Protein backbone atom coordinates (compact mmCIF):
# COMPACT_ATOMS: atom_id res chain seq x y z
CA MET A 1 45.99 71.40 139.67
CA THR A 2 47.32 70.13 142.55
CA PRO A 3 50.48 70.78 144.47
CA SER A 4 52.21 67.43 143.51
CA THR A 5 51.36 68.02 140.02
CA LYS A 6 52.29 71.65 140.08
CA ARG A 7 55.66 70.63 141.70
CA GLU A 8 56.56 68.15 139.09
CA SER A 9 55.55 70.60 135.88
CA SER A 10 58.36 72.79 137.55
CA VAL A 11 60.80 70.01 137.98
CA GLU A 12 59.95 69.27 134.19
CA GLN A 13 60.56 72.83 133.51
CA ASP A 14 63.81 72.97 135.08
CA ALA A 15 65.04 69.78 134.14
CA ARG A 16 63.85 71.27 129.87
CA ASN A 17 65.90 74.59 130.77
CA GLU A 18 68.92 72.65 131.69
CA GLY A 19 69.03 70.69 128.41
CA ARG A 20 68.54 73.74 126.69
CA ALA A 21 71.97 75.37 128.25
CA ALA A 22 73.71 72.30 127.94
CA GLY A 23 72.90 71.87 124.44
CA GLY A 24 73.98 75.87 123.35
CA ALA A 25 77.08 75.00 125.94
CA ARG A 26 77.99 72.01 123.59
CA ARG A 27 77.29 73.93 120.46
CA ARG A 28 79.27 76.61 121.46
CA ARG A 29 82.27 74.35 122.46
CA ARG A 30 81.92 72.46 118.87
CA GLY A 31 82.33 75.70 117.23
CA SER A 32 85.21 76.99 119.50
CA ARG A 33 86.89 73.28 118.46
CA ARG A 34 86.08 74.16 114.80
CA ARG A 35 87.73 77.53 114.93
CA ARG A 36 91.30 76.11 116.22
CA SER A 37 90.97 73.08 114.25
CA GLY A 38 90.49 75.21 111.07
CA THR A 39 87.38 74.14 109.83
CA GLY A 40 84.26 75.75 109.45
CA LEU A 41 83.94 78.63 107.03
CA ALA A 42 85.74 81.57 108.97
CA PRO A 43 88.91 79.95 107.77
CA LEU A 44 88.45 80.64 104.10
CA LEU A 45 87.94 84.26 104.55
CA PRO A 46 91.79 85.37 104.70
CA HIS A 47 92.15 83.14 101.20
CA ILE A 48 88.83 85.20 99.64
CA LEU A 49 90.87 88.59 100.65
CA THR A 50 94.25 86.63 98.96
CA THR A 51 92.33 85.95 95.94
CA CYS A 52 90.62 89.79 95.99
CA ASN A 53 94.76 90.90 95.90
CA LEU A 54 95.23 88.39 93.18
CA ALA A 55 91.95 89.33 90.97
CA ALA A 56 93.30 93.13 91.34
CA GLY A 57 96.72 92.30 90.43
CA PHE A 58 95.16 90.42 87.02
CA TYR A 59 92.89 93.48 86.78
CA ALA A 60 96.25 95.98 87.01
CA ILE A 61 97.66 94.16 84.10
CA ALA A 62 94.99 94.09 82.01
CA LYS A 63 94.18 98.14 82.31
CA ALA A 64 98.00 98.65 82.14
CA SER A 65 98.25 96.63 78.34
CA THR A 66 94.94 98.77 77.31
CA GLY A 67 96.87 102.36 78.27
CA ASP A 68 94.77 103.05 81.28
CA PRO A 69 97.80 103.31 83.54
CA VAL A 70 95.58 105.58 86.23
CA GLN A 71 92.87 102.93 86.50
CA ALA A 72 95.70 100.14 86.78
CA SER A 73 97.30 102.05 89.69
CA TRP A 74 93.61 101.98 91.78
CA ALA A 75 94.00 98.02 91.38
CA ILE A 76 97.43 98.37 92.76
CA LEU A 77 96.36 100.08 95.53
CA ALA A 78 93.12 97.50 96.56
CA ALA A 79 95.70 94.72 95.67
CA GLY A 80 97.95 96.18 99.30
CA ILE A 81 94.53 97.12 100.90
CA PHE A 82 93.51 93.39 100.64
CA ASP A 83 97.07 92.01 101.22
CA VAL A 84 97.14 93.72 104.59
CA LEU A 85 93.55 92.61 105.24
CA ASP A 86 94.03 89.21 104.89
CA GLY A 87 97.06 88.66 107.06
CA ARG A 88 94.84 90.15 110.00
CA ALA A 89 91.93 87.57 109.28
CA ALA A 90 94.18 84.68 109.29
CA ARG A 91 95.28 85.71 112.72
CA MET A 92 91.64 86.34 113.79
CA THR A 93 90.52 83.37 112.51
CA ASN A 94 93.53 81.54 113.89
CA SER A 95 93.79 80.27 110.18
CA VAL A 96 97.56 80.97 109.26
CA SER A 97 99.10 78.08 107.58
CA LYS A 98 101.82 77.37 105.21
CA PHE A 99 99.60 77.22 102.51
CA GLY A 100 98.10 80.73 102.98
CA MET A 101 101.70 82.36 103.32
CA GLU A 102 102.75 80.49 99.77
CA TYR A 103 99.52 81.77 98.55
CA ASP A 104 99.76 84.75 99.86
CA SER A 105 103.29 85.68 98.04
CA ILE A 106 101.81 84.39 94.37
CA ALA A 107 99.46 86.89 94.94
CA ASP A 108 102.03 89.53 96.06
CA THR A 109 104.09 88.40 93.22
CA VAL A 110 101.61 89.40 90.66
CA SER A 111 100.09 92.34 92.30
CA PHE A 112 103.06 93.98 93.49
CA GLY A 113 105.89 91.86 91.41
CA VAL A 114 104.38 91.81 87.33
CA ALA A 115 101.76 94.62 87.36
CA PRO A 116 103.64 97.62 88.39
CA ALA A 117 106.37 96.44 85.83
CA MET A 118 103.16 96.37 83.28
CA ILE A 119 102.19 99.94 84.36
CA ALA A 120 105.61 100.96 84.29
CA PHE A 121 106.58 99.54 81.31
CA HIS A 122 103.65 100.85 79.29
CA ALA A 123 103.19 104.19 81.07
CA GLY A 124 106.85 105.01 80.77
CA HIS A 125 106.70 104.09 76.91
CA PHE A 126 109.90 101.43 77.73
CA MET A 127 108.98 100.02 74.25
CA GLU A 128 110.94 103.03 72.64
CA LEU A 129 113.88 101.30 74.17
CA GLY A 130 113.49 98.21 72.55
CA TRP A 131 115.28 95.25 74.53
CA THR A 132 116.37 97.20 76.97
CA GLY A 133 112.69 98.74 78.60
CA TRP A 134 111.74 95.15 78.45
CA VAL A 135 114.94 93.84 80.68
CA MET A 136 114.47 97.08 82.50
CA ALA A 137 111.07 96.36 83.28
CA PHE A 138 112.02 92.60 83.96
CA VAL A 139 114.35 93.63 86.89
CA PHE A 140 111.74 94.77 88.81
CA THR A 141 109.49 91.38 88.20
CA ALA A 142 112.25 89.19 89.38
CA CYS A 143 113.56 91.42 91.99
CA ALA A 144 110.07 91.49 94.08
CA SER A 145 110.21 87.45 93.37
CA LEU A 146 113.07 86.99 94.69
CA ARG A 147 112.50 89.54 97.45
CA LEU A 148 109.32 87.66 98.63
CA ALA A 149 110.77 84.24 98.62
CA ARG A 150 113.52 85.58 101.24
CA PHE A 151 110.77 86.64 103.42
CA ASN A 152 109.54 83.46 103.37
CA VAL A 153 112.14 81.73 104.39
CA THR A 154 114.33 84.20 106.76
CA ALA A 155 113.62 86.06 109.95
CA GLY A 156 115.37 88.83 108.44
CA THR A 157 118.45 90.43 109.34
CA TYR A 158 117.47 93.58 112.15
CA ARG A 159 115.02 93.97 114.72
CA GLY A 160 112.18 96.37 113.27
CA ARG A 161 113.39 96.31 109.97
CA PHE A 162 112.85 94.79 106.17
CA ASP A 163 115.77 93.54 104.53
CA GLY A 164 115.38 95.58 101.47
CA LEU A 165 112.50 97.56 99.81
CA PRO A 166 109.52 96.03 100.89
CA SER A 167 107.65 94.72 97.62
CA PRO A 168 104.49 96.55 98.09
CA ALA A 169 106.28 99.83 99.13
CA ALA A 170 107.99 99.11 95.70
CA ALA A 171 104.70 98.87 93.72
CA GLY A 172 103.61 102.26 95.63
CA VAL A 173 106.25 103.87 94.38
CA VAL A 174 105.55 102.84 90.75
CA VAL A 175 101.52 104.03 91.70
CA SER A 176 102.06 107.13 92.93
CA THR A 177 104.62 108.51 90.71
CA VAL A 178 101.68 107.58 87.93
CA TRP A 179 99.05 109.66 90.15
CA PHE A 180 101.20 112.63 90.39
CA VAL A 181 102.34 112.64 86.61
CA THR A 182 99.12 112.63 85.79
CA PHE A 183 98.29 115.42 88.37
CA LEU A 184 101.00 117.46 86.22
CA ARG A 185 99.28 116.88 83.07
CA ASP A 186 96.06 117.73 84.32
CA ALA A 187 97.62 121.00 85.61
CA GLY A 188 98.59 121.97 82.09
CA ILE A 189 102.49 120.94 83.47
CA ASN A 190 104.26 119.02 80.08
CA VAL A 191 106.25 116.59 81.40
CA ASN A 192 108.29 115.02 78.93
CA VAL A 193 111.32 112.84 79.97
CA PRO A 194 113.55 110.23 77.71
CA ALA A 195 112.03 106.80 78.68
CA VAL A 196 115.19 105.63 79.80
CA LEU A 197 115.00 107.89 83.15
CA PRO A 198 111.81 106.03 84.29
CA ALA A 199 113.39 102.48 82.80
CA ILE A 200 116.25 103.41 85.15
CA GLY A 201 114.53 104.31 88.01
CA VAL A 202 112.17 101.31 87.96
CA ALA A 203 115.01 99.05 87.73
CA LEU A 204 117.13 100.79 90.85
CA VAL A 205 113.78 100.61 92.71
CA GLY A 206 113.62 96.58 92.05
CA LEU A 207 117.21 96.46 93.55
CA LEU A 208 116.41 97.95 96.60
CA MET A 209 114.06 95.50 97.20
CA VAL A 210 117.10 92.03 97.01
CA SER A 211 119.44 94.59 98.55
CA PRO A 212 120.53 94.25 102.35
CA ILE A 213 119.52 97.50 103.17
CA PRO A 214 117.35 97.90 106.20
CA TYR A 215 114.16 99.35 105.98
CA ARG A 216 111.93 100.57 108.72
CA SER A 217 108.41 98.33 109.33
CA ASN A 218 105.32 99.38 110.68
CA LYS A 219 106.50 97.72 114.27
CA ASP A 220 109.19 100.05 114.98
CA LEU A 221 107.66 103.35 114.25
CA PRO A 222 108.35 106.12 117.21
CA ASN A 223 105.26 105.70 119.81
CA LEU A 224 103.64 109.03 119.60
CA SER A 225 101.21 110.19 122.22
CA GLY A 226 99.09 112.97 123.26
CA TYR A 227 98.72 116.29 121.24
CA ARG A 228 102.18 115.84 119.31
CA ALA A 229 100.24 112.29 117.89
CA ILE A 230 97.06 114.41 117.15
CA VAL A 231 98.58 117.33 115.54
CA ILE A 232 101.22 114.55 113.21
CA VAL A 233 97.89 112.94 112.43
CA VAL A 234 95.91 115.86 110.81
CA MET A 235 98.94 117.07 109.42
CA ILE A 236 99.33 113.79 107.60
CA PHE A 237 96.00 113.29 106.77
CA THR A 238 94.99 116.91 105.54
CA ALA A 239 97.76 116.15 102.87
CA LEU A 240 96.35 113.48 101.70
CA ILE A 241 93.16 115.05 101.80
CA ALA A 242 94.61 118.07 100.09
CA MET A 243 96.47 116.86 97.64
CA PRO A 244 96.25 113.20 97.39
CA GLN A 245 98.51 112.59 93.92
CA VAL A 246 101.48 114.73 95.67
CA SER A 247 101.44 113.11 99.13
CA PHE A 248 101.35 109.96 98.38
CA PHE A 249 104.76 110.27 95.66
CA ILE A 250 106.40 112.39 98.58
CA VAL A 251 105.69 109.58 100.95
CA GLY A 252 107.01 107.39 99.07
CA ILE A 253 109.95 109.02 98.06
CA VAL A 254 110.74 109.89 101.00
CA TYR A 255 110.52 106.07 102.29
CA VAL A 256 112.64 104.84 99.49
CA LEU A 257 115.38 107.11 100.11
CA SER A 258 115.09 106.47 104.01
CA GLY A 259 116.68 103.31 104.01
CA PRO A 260 120.14 104.44 102.33
CA LEU A 261 120.45 107.33 104.04
CA GLU A 262 119.49 105.99 107.52
CA LEU A 263 122.30 103.32 106.99
CA LEU A 264 124.87 105.95 105.97
CA TYR A 265 123.57 107.98 109.12
CA ARG A 266 124.59 105.06 111.54
CA TYR A 267 127.85 104.16 109.73
CA ARG A 268 129.02 107.50 110.01
CA THR A 269 127.98 108.10 113.78
CA GLY A 270 128.68 104.84 114.31
CA LYS A 271 124.84 104.09 115.74
CA SER A 272 123.77 100.06 115.93
CA LEU A 273 120.99 98.11 115.15
CA GLU A 274 119.71 95.36 117.10
CA LEU A 275 120.23 92.09 115.17
CA ILE A 276 117.42 89.24 115.37
CA ALA A 277 119.26 86.51 117.31
CA PRO A 278 118.62 82.91 116.88
CA GLU A 279 117.17 80.78 119.16
CA GLY A 280 118.99 80.24 122.43
CA GLU A 281 121.22 82.85 121.61
CA ALA A 282 121.38 86.44 122.86
CA SER A 283 120.81 89.54 120.47
CA GLU A 284 123.87 91.82 119.64
CA LYS A 285 124.10 95.20 117.58
CA SER A 286 125.51 95.66 114.21
CA GLN A 287 126.78 98.30 111.98
CA GLY A 288 125.04 98.14 109.22
CA PRO A 289 124.64 94.86 106.63
CA THR A 290 127.71 95.59 104.68
CA LEU A 291 129.25 98.39 105.90
CA VAL A 292 131.81 98.08 109.29
CA LYS A 293 133.20 101.51 110.97
CA GLU A 294 136.69 100.82 111.66
CA GLU A 295 137.97 102.33 114.96
CA GLY A 296 141.22 104.14 114.33
CA PRO A 297 142.85 107.22 115.42
CA SER A 298 141.53 110.23 115.37
C-alpha cells in the first residue's frame, strides 16, 4: 500500500468515525426531545403504576366482599405503594400532566375511599346496624372523594401541612385496625365490640379528611442527622419488624390524633403556622383554620 493510499484510507476512517459520532448525537437529541415532549414509552410508566393502584383497590373490594379483610388490607397497602411510585415516576420522566392528576385521583378514590369503607363495613359487621351501618361506611367514601377533589383544586392553607387528614392515611387507619384486631385474636384475645363503635370511628375518620385541621406532610418532618437520626430509624424499623400489626396501628392512631392535638396546642400557646400566600403576596402567620385566640387582660 502506497503512502497516498494509506492517507486516503485514514481520511475515510476518520470520516466514518465522525459520521457515527454525529449519528449518535442525533439519536441522543431525538431521545431527549421525546422525553421532553412526552412521547415514547417512558411517560406511560406513571399511568401504568396508577392502573396498578386502581387494580389493587378493586382487588381489595373483591376480597372484602368475600369475607377476607386481611388480604383486602394488604391490597390497600400495595395501592399505597403504587400511589407513591406513580408520582415519582411522573416527575422523573417529566410527564406530569392534568390527565395524570385526574386519573390518579380516580384511582385513589377507589383504593382509599371505596375499598377501606368496604373493608370496614364487612369486617366491622356494619350490616347489623341496618341502613345506619351503610350510611356510616358511605360517609367515609364521600369524605375521601371530597378530600381528593379539594386537593386537586386548592394549594392548601398552611405551608408544609395538609388540609385535613390525607386519604391514604385514613385508609391506613382502617387497614392497621384490621391487622391489629387479627393479631389480638391470633393471640387468643377475644375482641367483641358492638358494631356501632367501629362504625362511628370510621365516620369520624372520614370527617377528619374534609376538616380544615392541618396535618403534617412529609415535607415538614424535622431534619434529623447523625447519631440521633440513626437511633430513631433503627427503633422504628425494629418495632415495625418485630410487631408490625401493633406498630402500624399505633402509628396510625398517633397520626390521626396529631392534627387535633397540635391545633389545640397552637391555640393554647399562641404559636402560629405559616400560610401559603397567593402569588405576589408575602406569607403570613395564622393561629389556625377556625380557632382565633383573642388577646385580653391577664
